[in-house]
């Protein structure tokens, strides 16, 4: 049977891990938003409408309406679709993941 000290140490360990994970998520989402609005070339916000990003693009689909899932976003970024170019040569897998995470979070709110 665990002692009270062991149980409390376990809770302290778990509680200490939560802010770190939350901070990592926040950094990932901010990276995704920055890439979506400014850094990707061309920026996603030029073509897509996404309320959270204050983006009002008129070329691509309205992301708030179609609510794409993460795999659909990654596939579009890697391969391009319609008029959208592939970002495979200009964005790393990590950057594509960040954009996908950000868009999924933004359209779920």
PDB file of N, CA and C in Angstrom:
ATOM      1  N   UNK A   1       0.833  -1.174   0.000  1.00  0.00           N
ATOM      2  CA  UNK A   1       0.000   0.000   0.000  1.00  0.00           C
ATOM      3  C   UNK A   1       0.884   1.245   0.000  1.00  0.00           C
ATOM      4  N   UNK A   2       0.525   2.201  -0.825  1.00  0.00           N
ATOM      5  CA  UNK A   2       1.321   3.417  -0.908  1.00  0.00           C
ATOM      6  C   UNK A   2       1.154   4.268   0.337  1.00  0.00           C
ATOM      7  N   UNK A   3       2.241   4.912   0.704  1.00  0.00           N
ATOM      8  CA  UNK A   3       2.168   5.829   1.830  1.00  0.00           C
ATOM      9  C   UNK A   3       1.594   7.151   1.359  1.00  0.00           C
ATOM     10  N   UNK A   4       1.143   7.934   2.299  1.00  0.00           N
ATOM     11  CA  UNK A   4       0.600   9.249   1.979  1.00  0.00           C
ATOM     12  C   UNK A   4       1.645  10.108   1.278  1.00  0.00           C
ATOM     13  N   UNK A   5       2.892   9.995   1.679  1.00  0.00           N
ATOM     14  CA  UNK A   5       3.976  10.762   1.057  1.00  0.00           C
ATOM     15  C   UNK A   5       4.132  10.369  -0.417  1.00  0.00           C
ATOM     16  N   UNK A   6       4.083   9.079  -0.719  1.00  0.00           N
ATOM     17  CA  UNK A   6       4.204   8.629  -2.108  1.00  0.00           C
ATOM     18  C   UNK A   6       3.048   9.156  -2.952  1.00  0.00           C
ATOM     19  N   UNK A   7       1.851   9.123  -2.408  1.00  0.00           N
ATOM     20  CA  UNK A   7       0.681   9.616  -3.131  1.00  0.00           C
ATOM     21  C   UNK A   7       0.811  11.113  -3.384  1.00  0.00           C
ATOM     22  N   UNK A   8       1.174  11.868  -2.349  1.00  0.00           N
ATOM     23  CA  UNK A   8       1.327  13.314  -2.512  1.00  0.00           C
ATOM     24  C   UNK A   8       2.435  13.657  -3.502  1.00  0.00           C
ATOM     25  N   UNK A   9       3.540  12.923  -3.456  1.00  0.00           N
ATOM     26  CA  UNK A   9       4.625  13.154  -4.409  1.00  0.00           C
ATOM     27  C   UNK A   9       4.146  12.897  -5.844  1.00  0.00           C
ATOM     28  N   UNK A  10       3.319  11.887  -6.012  1.00  0.00           N
ATOM     29  CA  UNK A  10       2.761  11.597  -7.338  1.00  0.00           C
ATOM     30  C   UNK A  10       1.900  12.734  -7.842  1.00  0.00           C
ATOM     31  N   UNK A  11       1.050  13.285  -6.969  1.00  0.00           N
ATOM     32  CA  UNK A  11       0.209  14.411  -7.356  1.00  0.00           C
ATOM     33  C   UNK A  11       1.041  15.644  -7.685  1.00  0.00           C
ATOM     34  N   UNK A  12       2.044  15.907  -6.885  1.00  0.00           N
ATOM     35  CA  UNK A  12       2.918  17.056  -7.142  1.00  0.00           C
ATOM     36  C   UNK A  12       3.609  16.890  -8.487  1.00  0.00           C
ATOM     37  N   UNK A  13       4.078  15.687  -8.778  1.00  0.00           N
ATOM     38  CA  UNK A  13       4.718  15.427 -10.060  1.00  0.00           C
ATOM     39  C   UNK A  13       3.745  15.683 -11.204  1.00  0.00           C
ATOM     40  N   UNK A  14       2.527  15.148 -11.095  1.00  0.00           N
ATOM     41  CA  UNK A  14       1.531  15.331 -12.148  1.00  0.00           C
ATOM     42  C   UNK A  14       1.148  16.795 -12.306  1.00  0.00           C
ATOM     43  N   UNK A  15       0.949  17.482 -11.218  1.00  0.00           N
ATOM     44  CA  UNK A  15       0.589  18.893 -11.295  1.00  0.00           C
ATOM     45  C   UNK A  15       1.713  19.725 -11.901  1.00  0.00           C
ATOM     46  N   UNK A  16       2.937  19.356 -11.627  1.00  0.00           N
ATOM     47  CA  UNK A  16       4.071  20.066 -12.207  1.00  0.00           C
ATOM     48  C   UNK A  16       4.158  19.864 -13.707  1.00  0.00           C
ATOM     49  N   UNK A  17       3.696  18.723 -14.201  1.00  0.00           N
ATOM     50  CA  UNK A  17       3.771  18.430 -15.631  1.00  0.00           C
ATOM     51  C   UNK A  17       2.681  19.152 -16.417  1.00  0.00           C
ATOM     52  N   UNK A  18       1.583  19.463 -15.798  1.00  0.00           N
ATOM     53  CA  UNK A  18       0.465  20.075 -16.521  1.00  0.00           C
ATOM     54  C   UNK A  18       0.828  21.442 -17.090  1.00  0.00           C
ATOM     55  N   UNK A  19       1.375  22.363 -16.306  1.00  0.00           N
ATOM     56  CA  UNK A  19       1.707  23.658 -16.882  1.00  0.00           C
ATOM     57  C   UNK A  19       2.731  23.565 -18.016  1.00  0.00           C
ATOM     58  N   UNK A  20       3.681  22.661 -17.906  1.00  0.00           N
ATOM     59  CA  UNK A  20       4.686  22.502 -18.949  1.00  0.00           C
ATOM     60  C   UNK A  20       4.028  22.063 -20.253  1.00  0.00           C
ATOM     61  N   UNK A  21       3.136  21.085 -20.175  1.00  0.00           N
ATOM     62  CA  UNK A  21       2.433  20.594 -21.360  1.00  0.00           C
ATOM     63  C   UNK A  21       1.534  21.685 -21.942  1.00  0.00           C
ATOM     64  N   UNK A  22       0.848  22.399 -21.071  1.00  0.00           N
ATOM     65  CA  UNK A  22      -0.017  23.487 -21.521  1.00  0.00           C
ATOM     66  C   UNK A  22       0.811  24.578 -22.198  1.00  0.00           C
ATOM     67  N   UNK A  23       1.990  24.843 -21.660  1.00  0.00           N
ATOM     68  CA  UNK A  23       2.866  25.845 -22.256  1.00  0.00           C
ATOM     69  C   UNK A  23       3.343  25.401 -23.628  1.00  0.00           C
ATOM     70  N   UNK A  24       3.667  24.110 -23.761  1.00  0.00           N
ATOM     71  CA  UNK A  24       4.089  23.584 -25.063  1.00  0.00           C
ATOM     72  C   UNK A  24       2.958  23.696 -26.072  1.00  0.00           C
ATOM     73  N   UNK A  25       1.730  23.388 -25.657  1.00  0.00           N
ATOM     74  CA  UNK A  25       0.574  23.510 -26.541  1.00  0.00           C
ATOM     75  C   UNK A  25       0.376  24.962 -26.982  1.00  0.00           C
ATOM     76  N   UNK A  26       0.522  25.882 -26.043  1.00  0.00           N
ATOM     77  CA  UNK A  26       0.347  27.302 -26.360  1.00  0.00           C
ATOM     78  C   UNK A  26       1.396  27.767 -27.365  1.00  0.00           C
ATOM     79  N   UNK A  27       2.631  27.320 -27.200  1.00  0.00           N
ATOM     80  CA  UNK A  27       3.705  27.676 -28.129  1.00  0.00           C
ATOM     81  C   UNK A  27       3.394  27.110 -29.516  1.00  0.00           C
ATOM     82  N   UNK A  28       2.953  25.848 -29.560  1.00  0.00           N
ATOM     83  CA  UNK A  28       2.607  25.196 -30.835  1.00  0.00           C
ATOM     84  C   UNK A  28       1.474  25.948 -31.541  1.00  0.00           C
ATOM     85  N   UNK A  29       0.442  26.319 -30.791  1.00  0.00           N
ATOM     86  CA  UNK A  29      -0.687  27.034 -31.388  1.00  0.00           C
ATOM     87  C   UNK A  29      -0.280  28.422 -31.864  1.00  0.00           C
ATOM     88  N   UNK A  30       0.568  29.105 -31.104  1.00  0.00           N
ATOM     89  CA  UNK A  30       1.029  30.425 -31.524  1.00  0.00           C
ATOM     90  C   UNK A  30       1.882  30.326 -32.782  1.00  0.00           C
ATOM     91  N   UNK A  31       2.744  29.317 -32.860  1.00  0.00           N
ATOM     92  CA  UNK A  31       3.536  29.090 -34.070  1.00  0.00           C
ATOM     93  C   UNK A  31       2.608  28.863 -35.255  1.00  0.00           C
ATOM     94  N   UNK A  32       1.595  28.032 -35.074  1.00  0.00           N
ATOM     95  CA  UNK A  32       0.645  27.761 -36.146  1.00  0.00           C
ATOM     96  C   UNK A  32      -0.080  29.009 -36.598  1.00  0.00           C
ATOM     97  N   UNK A  33      -0.491  29.838 -35.655  1.00  0.00           N
ATOM     98  CA  UNK A  33      -1.199  31.078 -36.001  1.00  0.00           C
ATOM     99  C   UNK A  33      -0.277  32.032 -36.749  1.00  0.00           C
ATOM    100  N   UNK A  34       0.962  32.146 -36.297  1.00  0.00           N
ATOM    101  CA  UNK A  34       1.926  33.028 -36.968  1.00  0.00           C
ATOM    102  C   UNK A  34       2.199  32.547 -38.388  1.00  0.00           C
ATOM    103  N   UNK A  35       2.375  31.255 -38.561  1.00  0.00           N
ATOM    104  CA  UNK A  35       2.579  30.705 -39.901  1.00  0.00           C
ATOM    105  C   UNK A  35       1.351  30.952 -40.769  1.00  0.00           C
ATOM    106  N   UNK A  36       0.166  30.721 -40.218  1.00  0.00           N
ATOM    107  CA  UNK A  36      -1.083  30.891 -40.960  1.00  0.00           C
ATOM    108  C   UNK A  36      -1.268  32.334 -41.414  1.00  0.00           C
ATOM    109  N   UNK A  37      -0.964  33.274 -40.524  1.00  0.00           N
ATOM    110  CA  UNK A  37      -1.257  34.680 -40.825  1.00  0.00           C
ATOM    111  C   UNK A  37      -0.125  35.442 -41.504  1.00  0.00           C
ATOM    112  N   UNK A  38       1.133  35.028 -41.288  1.00  0.00           N
ATOM    113  CA  UNK A  38       2.246  35.856 -41.763  1.00  0.00           C
ATOM    114  C   UNK A  38       3.381  35.100 -42.432  1.00  0.00           C
ATOM    115  N   UNK A  39       3.869  34.051 -41.809  1.00  0.00           N
ATOM    116  CA  UNK A  39       5.162  33.490 -42.151  1.00  0.00           C
ATOM    117  C   UNK A  39       5.169  32.556 -43.348  1.00  0.00           C
ATOM    118  N   UNK A  40       4.127  31.744 -43.497  1.00  0.00           N
ATOM    119  CA  UNK A  40       4.079  30.845 -44.658  1.00  0.00           C
ATOM    120  C   UNK A  40       4.019  31.695 -45.921  1.00  0.00           C
ATOM    121  N   UNK A  41       4.653  31.220 -46.974  1.00  0.00           N
ATOM    122  CA  UNK A  41       4.676  31.985 -48.229  1.00  0.00           C
ATOM    123  C   UNK A  41       4.060  31.137 -49.330  1.00  0.00           C
ATOM    124  N   UNK A  42       2.886  31.549 -49.822  1.00  0.00           N
ATOM    125  CA  UNK A  42       2.048  32.656 -49.367  1.00  0.00           C
ATOM    126  C   UNK A  42       1.338  32.313 -48.058  1.00  0.00           C
ATOM    127  N   UNK A  43       1.015  33.346 -47.298  1.00  0.00           N
ATOM    128  CA  UNK A  43       0.335  33.144 -46.020  1.00  0.00           C
ATOM    129  C   UNK A  43      -1.057  32.560 -46.274  1.00  0.00           C
ATOM    130  N   UNK A  44      -1.441  31.628 -45.455  1.00  0.00           N
ATOM    131  CA  UNK A  44      -2.746  30.972 -45.589  1.00  0.00           C
ATOM    132  C   UNK A  44      -3.886  31.984 -45.527  1.00  0.00           C
ATOM    133  N   UNK A  45      -3.696  33.012 -44.702  1.00  0.00           N
ATOM    134  CA  UNK A  45      -4.737  34.022 -44.498  1.00  0.00           C
ATOM    135  C   UNK A  45      -5.014  34.861 -45.743  1.00  0.00           C
ATOM    136  N   UNK A  46      -4.139  34.824 -46.717  1.00  0.00           N
ATOM    137  CA  UNK A  46      -4.400  35.553 -47.956  1.00  0.00           C
ATOM    138  C   UNK A  46      -5.573  34.955 -48.721  1.00  0.00           C
ATOM    139  N   UNK A  47      -5.751  33.652 -48.591  1.00  0.00           N
ATOM    140  CA  UNK A  47      -6.784  32.964 -49.370  1.00  0.00           C
ATOM    141  C   UNK A  47      -7.947  32.437 -48.531  1.00  0.00           C
ATOM    142  N   UNK A  48      -7.667  32.088 -47.274  1.00  0.00           N
ATOM    143  CA  UNK A  48      -8.691  31.451 -46.444  1.00  0.00           C
ATOM    144  C   UNK A  48      -9.292  32.409 -45.435  1.00  0.00           C
ATOM    145  N   UNK A  49     -10.569  32.210 -45.163  1.00  0.00           N
ATOM    146  CA  UNK A  49     -11.249  32.917 -44.092  1.00  0.00           C
ATOM    147  C   UNK A  49     -11.177  32.048 -42.846  1.00  0.00           C
ATOM    148  N   UNK A  50     -10.731  32.655 -41.749  1.00  0.00           N
ATOM    149  CA  UNK A  50     -10.672  31.991 -40.448  1.00  0.00           C
ATOM    150  C   UNK A  50     -10.852  33.072 -39.387  1.00  0.00           C
ATOM    151  N   UNK A  51     -11.989  33.030 -38.721  1.00  0.00           N
ATOM    152  CA  UNK A  51     -12.351  34.072 -37.756  1.00  0.00           C
ATOM    153  C   UNK A  51     -11.279  34.311 -36.701  1.00  0.00           C
ATOM    154  N   UNK A  52     -10.741  33.238 -36.115  1.00  0.00           N
ATOM    155  CA  UNK A  52      -9.756  33.369 -35.047  1.00  0.00           C
ATOM    156  C   UNK A  52      -8.513  34.138 -35.492  1.00  0.00           C
ATOM    157  N   UNK A  53      -8.179  34.044 -36.771  1.00  0.00           N
ATOM    158  CA  UNK A  53      -6.996  34.712 -37.310  1.00  0.00           C
ATOM    159  C   UNK A  53      -7.332  36.070 -37.924  1.00  0.00           C
ATOM    160  N   UNK A  54      -8.595  36.477 -37.821  1.00  0.00           N
ATOM    161  CA  UNK A  54      -9.070  37.704 -38.479  1.00  0.00           C
ATOM    162  C   UNK A  54      -8.739  37.681 -39.967  1.00  0.00           C
ATOM    163  N   UNK A  55      -8.809  36.506 -40.555  1.00  0.00           N
ATOM    164  CA  UNK A  55      -8.486  36.315 -41.967  1.00  0.00           C
ATOM    165  C   UNK A  55      -9.776  36.296 -42.779  1.00  0.00           C
ATOM    166  N   UNK A  56      -9.769  37.040 -43.872  1.00  0.00           N
ATOM    167  CA  UNK A  56     -10.948  37.139 -44.719  1.00  0.00           C
ATOM    168  C   UNK A  56     -10.597  36.882 -46.176  1.00  0.00           C
ATOM    169  N   UNK A  57      -9.815  35.843 -46.423  1.00  0.00           N
ATOM    170  CA  UNK A  57      -9.460  35.493 -47.788  1.00  0.00           C
ATOM    171  C   UNK A  57     -10.686  35.062 -48.572  1.00  0.00           C
ATOM    172  N   UNK A  58     -10.661  35.303 -49.874  1.00  0.00           N
ATOM    173  CA  UNK A  58     -11.830  35.011 -50.699  1.00  0.00           C
ATOM    174  C   UNK A  58     -11.567  33.929 -51.742  1.00  0.00           C
ATOM    175  N   UNK A  59     -10.380  33.342 -51.755  1.00  0.00           N
ATOM    176  CA  UNK A  59     -10.039  32.359 -52.787  1.00  0.00           C
ATOM    177  C   UNK A  59     -10.313  30.938 -52.300  1.00  0.00           C
ATOM    178  N   UNK A  60      -9.779  30.601 -51.138  1.00  0.00           N
ATOM    179  CA  UNK A  60      -9.926  29.249 -50.604  1.00  0.00           C
ATOM    180  C   UNK A  60     -11.202  29.109 -49.804  1.00  0.00           C
ATOM    181  N   UNK A  61     -11.506  27.892 -49.375  1.00  0.00           N
ATOM    182  CA  UNK A  61     -12.730  27.684 -48.593  1.00  0.00           C
ATOM    183  C   UNK A  61     -12.658  28.373 -47.229  1.00  0.00           C
ATOM    184  N   UNK A  62     -13.832  28.667 -46.705  1.00  0.00           N
ATOM    185  CA  UNK A  62     -13.956  29.258 -45.371  1.00  0.00           C
ATOM    186  C   UNK A  62     -13.735  28.126 -44.364  1.00  0.00           C
ATOM    187  N   UNK A  63     -12.628  28.183 -43.660  1.00  0.00           N
ATOM    188  CA  UNK A  63     -12.253  27.099 -42.759  1.00  0.00           C
ATOM    189  C   UNK A  63     -13.214  26.952 -41.594  1.00  0.00           C
ATOM    190  N   UNK A  64     -13.804  28.049 -41.152  1.00  0.00           N
ATOM    191  CA  UNK A  64     -14.782  27.985 -40.061  1.00  0.00           C
ATOM    192  C   UNK A  64     -16.016  27.176 -40.475  1.00  0.00           C
ATOM    193  N   UNK A  65     -16.312  27.143 -41.757  1.00  0.00           N
ATOM    194  CA  UNK A  65     -17.485  26.412 -42.241  1.00  0.00           C
ATOM    195  C   UNK A  65     -17.173  24.942 -42.518  1.00  0.00           C
ATOM    196  N   UNK A  66     -16.034  24.669 -43.161  1.00  0.00           N
ATOM    197  CA  UNK A  66     -15.746  23.274 -43.524  1.00  0.00           C
ATOM    198  C   UNK A  66     -15.116  22.485 -42.382  1.00  0.00           C
ATOM    199  N   UNK A  67     -14.569  23.173 -41.398  1.00  0.00           N
ATOM    200  CA  UNK A  67     -13.977  22.553 -40.206  1.00  0.00           C
ATOM    201  C   UNK A  67     -13.117  21.325 -40.550  1.00  0.00           C
ATOM    202  N   UNK A  68     -12.036  21.548 -41.282  1.00  0.00           N
ATOM    203  CA  UNK A  68     -11.212  20.402 -41.679  1.00  0.00           C
ATOM    204  C   UNK A  68     -10.530  19.752 -40.479  1.00  0.00           C
ATOM    205  N   UNK A  69     -10.314  18.434 -40.574  1.00  0.00           N
ATOM    206  CA  UNK A  69      -9.582  17.759 -39.512  1.00  0.00           C
ATOM    207  C   UNK A  69      -8.080  17.856 -39.804  1.00  0.00           C
ATOM    208  N   UNK A  70      -7.291  17.421 -38.853  1.00  0.00           N
ATOM    209  CA  UNK A  70      -5.839  17.583 -38.935  1.00  0.00           C
ATOM    210  C   UNK A  70      -5.250  16.873 -40.154  1.00  0.00           C
ATOM    211  N   UNK A  71      -5.690  15.666 -40.431  1.00  0.00           N
ATOM    212  CA  UNK A  71      -5.122  14.926 -41.561  1.00  0.00           C
ATOM    213  C   UNK A  71      -5.446  15.599 -42.898  1.00  0.00           C
ATOM    214  N   UNK A  72      -6.626  16.168 -43.006  1.00  0.00           N
ATOM    215  CA  UNK A  72      -7.002  16.881 -44.240  1.00  0.00           C
ATOM    216  C   UNK A  72      -6.125  18.120 -44.439  1.00  0.00           C
ATOM    217  N   UNK A  73      -5.853  18.827 -43.370  1.00  0.00           N
ATOM    218  CA  UNK A  73      -5.013  20.028 -43.451  1.00  0.00           C
ATOM    219  C   UNK A  73      -3.582  19.652 -43.839  1.00  0.00           C
ATOM    220  N   UNK A  74      -3.036  18.632 -43.187  1.00  0.00           N
ATOM    221  CA  UNK A  74      -1.671  18.189 -43.489  1.00  0.00           C
ATOM    222  C   UNK A  74      -1.572  17.763 -44.950  1.00  0.00           C
ATOM    223  N   UNK A  75      -2.539  17.000 -45.419  1.00  0.00           N
ATOM    224  CA  UNK A  75      -2.531  16.534 -46.806  1.00  0.00           C
ATOM    225  C   UNK A  75      -2.569  17.708 -47.778  1.00  0.00           C
ATOM    226  N   UNK A  76      -3.407  18.708 -47.504  1.00  0.00           N
ATOM    227  CA  UNK A  76      -3.485  19.887 -48.364  1.00  0.00           C
ATOM    228  C   UNK A  76      -2.175  20.669 -48.351  1.00  0.00           C
ATOM    229  N   UNK A  77      -1.566  20.806 -47.180  1.00  0.00           N
ATOM    230  CA  UNK A  77      -0.291  21.526 -47.085  1.00  0.00           C
ATOM    231  C   UNK A  77       0.819  20.779 -47.836  1.00  0.00           C
ATOM    232  N   UNK A  78       0.831  19.473 -47.725  1.00  0.00           N
ATOM    233  CA  UNK A  78       1.882  18.685 -48.370  1.00  0.00           C
ATOM    234  C   UNK A  78       1.717  18.614 -49.886  1.00  0.00           C
ATOM    235  N   UNK A  79       0.503  18.426 -50.340  1.00  0.00           N
ATOM    236  CA  UNK A  79       0.271  18.153 -51.762  1.00  0.00           C
ATOM    237  C   UNK A  79      -0.326  19.307 -52.542  1.00  0.00           C
ATOM    238  N   UNK A  80      -0.843  20.310 -51.841  1.00  0.00           N
ATOM    239  CA  UNK A  80      -1.598  21.345 -52.531  1.00  0.00           C
ATOM    240  C   UNK A  80      -2.963  20.779 -52.899  1.00  0.00           C
ATOM    241  N   UNK A  81      -3.881  21.664 -53.264  1.00  0.00           N
ATOM    242  CA  UNK A  81      -5.220  21.229 -53.673  1.00  0.00           C
ATOM    243  C   UNK A  81      -5.873  22.383 -54.422  1.00  0.00           C
ATOM    244  N   UNK A  82      -6.410  22.113 -55.583  1.00  0.00           N
ATOM    245  CA  UNK A  82      -7.001  23.184 -56.390  1.00  0.00           C
ATOM    246  C   UNK A  82      -5.960  24.247 -56.689  1.00  0.00           C
ATOM    247  N   UNK A  83      -6.265  25.491 -56.370  1.00  0.00           N
ATOM    248  CA  UNK A  83      -5.325  26.594 -56.590  1.00  0.00           C
ATOM    249  C   UNK A  83      -4.264  26.694 -55.495  1.00  0.00           C
ATOM    250  N   UNK A  84      -4.454  25.971 -54.421  1.00  0.00           N
ATOM    251  CA  UNK A  84      -3.506  26.032 -53.301  1.00  0.00           C
ATOM    252  C   UNK A  84      -2.230  25.272 -53.653  1.00  0.00           C
ATOM    253  N   UNK A  85      -1.078  25.935 -53.478  1.00  0.00           N
ATOM    254  CA  UNK A  85       0.193  25.264 -53.772  1.00  0.00           C
ATOM    255  C   UNK A  85       0.596  24.301 -52.663  1.00  0.00           C
ATOM    256  N   UNK A  86       1.504  23.414 -52.972  1.00  0.00           N
ATOM    257  CA  UNK A  86       2.112  22.566 -51.962  1.00  0.00           C
ATOM    258  C   UNK A  86       3.111  23.395 -51.163  1.00  0.00           C
ATOM    259  N   UNK A  87       3.161  23.153 -49.885  1.00  0.00           N
ATOM    260  CA  UNK A  87       4.125  23.838 -49.010  1.00  0.00           C
ATOM    261  C   UNK A  87       5.261  22.903 -48.608  1.00  0.00           C
ATOM    262  N   UNK A  88       5.326  21.749 -49.261  1.00  0.00           N
ATOM    263  CA  UNK A  88       6.307  20.729 -48.893  1.00  0.00           C
ATOM    264  C   UNK A  88       7.747  21.251 -48.950  1.00  0.00           C
ATOM    265  N   UNK A  89       8.041  22.095 -49.924  1.00  0.00           N
ATOM    266  CA  UNK A  89       9.407  22.613 -50.079  1.00  0.00           C
ATOM    267  C   UNK A  89       9.699  23.805 -49.165  1.00  0.00           C
ATOM    268  N   UNK A  90       8.659  24.444 -48.650  1.00  0.00           N
ATOM    269  CA  UNK A  90       8.900  25.667 -47.876  1.00  0.00           C
ATOM    270  C   UNK A  90       8.589  25.550 -46.387  1.00  0.00           C
ATOM    271  N   UNK A  91       7.845  24.531 -45.985  1.00  0.00           N
ATOM    272  CA  UNK A  91       7.523  24.338 -44.570  1.00  0.00           C
ATOM    273  C   UNK A  91       8.002  22.972 -44.108  1.00  0.00           C
ATOM    274  N   UNK A  92       8.508  22.917 -42.897  1.00  0.00           N
ATOM    275  CA  UNK A  92       8.911  21.630 -42.311  1.00  0.00           C
ATOM    276  C   UNK A  92       7.668  20.877 -41.854  1.00  0.00           C
ATOM    277  N   UNK A  93       7.837  19.596 -41.577  1.00  0.00           N
ATOM    278  CA  UNK A  93       6.724  18.802 -41.039  1.00  0.00           C
ATOM    279  C   UNK A  93       6.228  19.402 -39.723  1.00  0.00           C
ATOM    280  N   UNK A  94       7.139  19.887 -38.915  1.00  0.00           N
ATOM    281  CA  UNK A  94       6.777  20.506 -37.636  1.00  0.00           C
ATOM    282  C   UNK A  94       5.928  21.754 -37.856  1.00  0.00           C
ATOM    283  N   UNK A  95       6.297  22.552 -38.838  1.00  0.00           N
ATOM    284  CA  UNK A  95       5.518  23.759 -39.138  1.00  0.00           C
ATOM    285  C   UNK A  95       4.128  23.406 -39.667  1.00  0.00           C
ATOM    286  N   UNK A  96       4.053  22.389 -40.518  1.00  0.00           N
ATOM    287  CA  UNK A  96       2.747  21.950 -41.027  1.00  0.00           C
ATOM    288  C   UNK A  96       1.876  21.429 -39.893  1.00  0.00           C
ATOM    289  N   UNK A  97       2.476  20.695 -38.964  1.00  0.00           N
ATOM    290  CA  UNK A  97       1.740  20.196 -37.798  1.00  0.00           C
ATOM    291  C   UNK A  97       1.205  21.367 -36.972  1.00  0.00           C
ATOM    292  N   UNK A  98       2.030  22.405 -36.818  1.00  0.00           N
ATOM    293  CA  UNK A  98       1.618  23.572 -36.035  1.00  0.00           C
ATOM    294  C   UNK A  98       0.432  24.271 -36.684  1.00  0.00           C
ATOM    295  N   UNK A  99       0.472  24.446 -37.994  1.00  0.00           N
ATOM    296  CA  UNK A  99      -0.653  25.069 -38.700  1.00  0.00           C
ATOM    297  C   UNK A  99      -1.903  24.218 -38.522  1.00  0.00           C
ATOM    298  N   UNK A 100      -1.766  22.920 -38.714  1.00  0.00           N
ATOM    299  CA  UNK A 100      -2.914  22.023 -38.582  1.00  0.00           C
ATOM    300  C   UNK A 100      -3.484  22.068 -37.166  1.00  0.00           C
ATOM    301  N   UNK A 101      -2.625  22.026 -36.165  1.00  0.00           N
ATOM    302  CA  UNK A 101      -3.090  22.094 -34.780  1.00  0.00           C
ATOM    303  C   UNK A 101      -3.835  23.397 -34.528  1.00  0.00           C
ATOM    304  N   UNK A 102      -3.284  24.500 -35.032  1.00  0.00           N
ATOM    305  CA  UNK A 102      -3.907  25.799 -34.836  1.00  0.00           C
ATOM    306  C   UNK A 102      -5.279  25.861 -35.511  1.00  0.00           C
ATOM    307  N   UNK A 103      -5.368  25.446 -36.756  1.00  0.00           N
ATOM    308  CA  UNK A 103      -6.641  25.527 -37.485  1.00  0.00           C
ATOM    309  C   UNK A 103      -7.684  24.640 -36.824  1.00  0.00           C
ATOM    310  N   UNK A 104      -7.314  23.419 -36.459  1.00  0.00           N
ATOM    311  CA  UNK A 104      -8.272  22.518 -35.802  1.00  0.00           C
ATOM    312  C   UNK A 104      -8.790  23.147 -34.513  1.00  0.00           C
ATOM    313  N   UNK A 105      -7.901  23.720 -33.727  1.00  0.00           N
ATOM    314  CA  UNK A 105      -8.315  24.378 -32.470  1.00  0.00           C
ATOM    315  C   UNK A 105      -9.202  25.582 -32.770  1.00  0.00           C
ATOM    316  N   UNK A 106      -8.848  26.375 -33.769  1.00  0.00           N
ATOM    317  CA  UNK A 106      -9.594  27.590 -34.099  1.00  0.00           C
ATOM    318  C   UNK A 106     -11.008  27.269 -34.581  1.00  0.00           C
ATOM    319  N   UNK A 107     -11.169  26.225 -35.376  1.00  0.00           N
ATOM    320  CA  UNK A 107     -12.496  25.916 -35.912  1.00  0.00           C
ATOM    321  C   UNK A 107     -13.363  25.151 -34.913  1.00  0.00           C
ATOM    322  N   UNK A 108     -12.751  24.660 -33.848  1.00  0.00           N
ATOM    323  CA  UNK A 108     -13.536  23.920 -32.841  1.00  0.00           C
ATOM    324  C   UNK A 108     -14.094  24.845 -31.770  1.00  0.00           C
ATOM    325  N   UNK A 109     -13.660  26.082 -31.756  1.00  0.00           N
ATOM    326  CA  UNK A 109     -14.157  27.036 -30.746  1.00  0.00           C
ATOM    327  C   UNK A 109     -15.490  27.619 -31.130  1.00  0.00           C
TER     328      UNK A 109
END
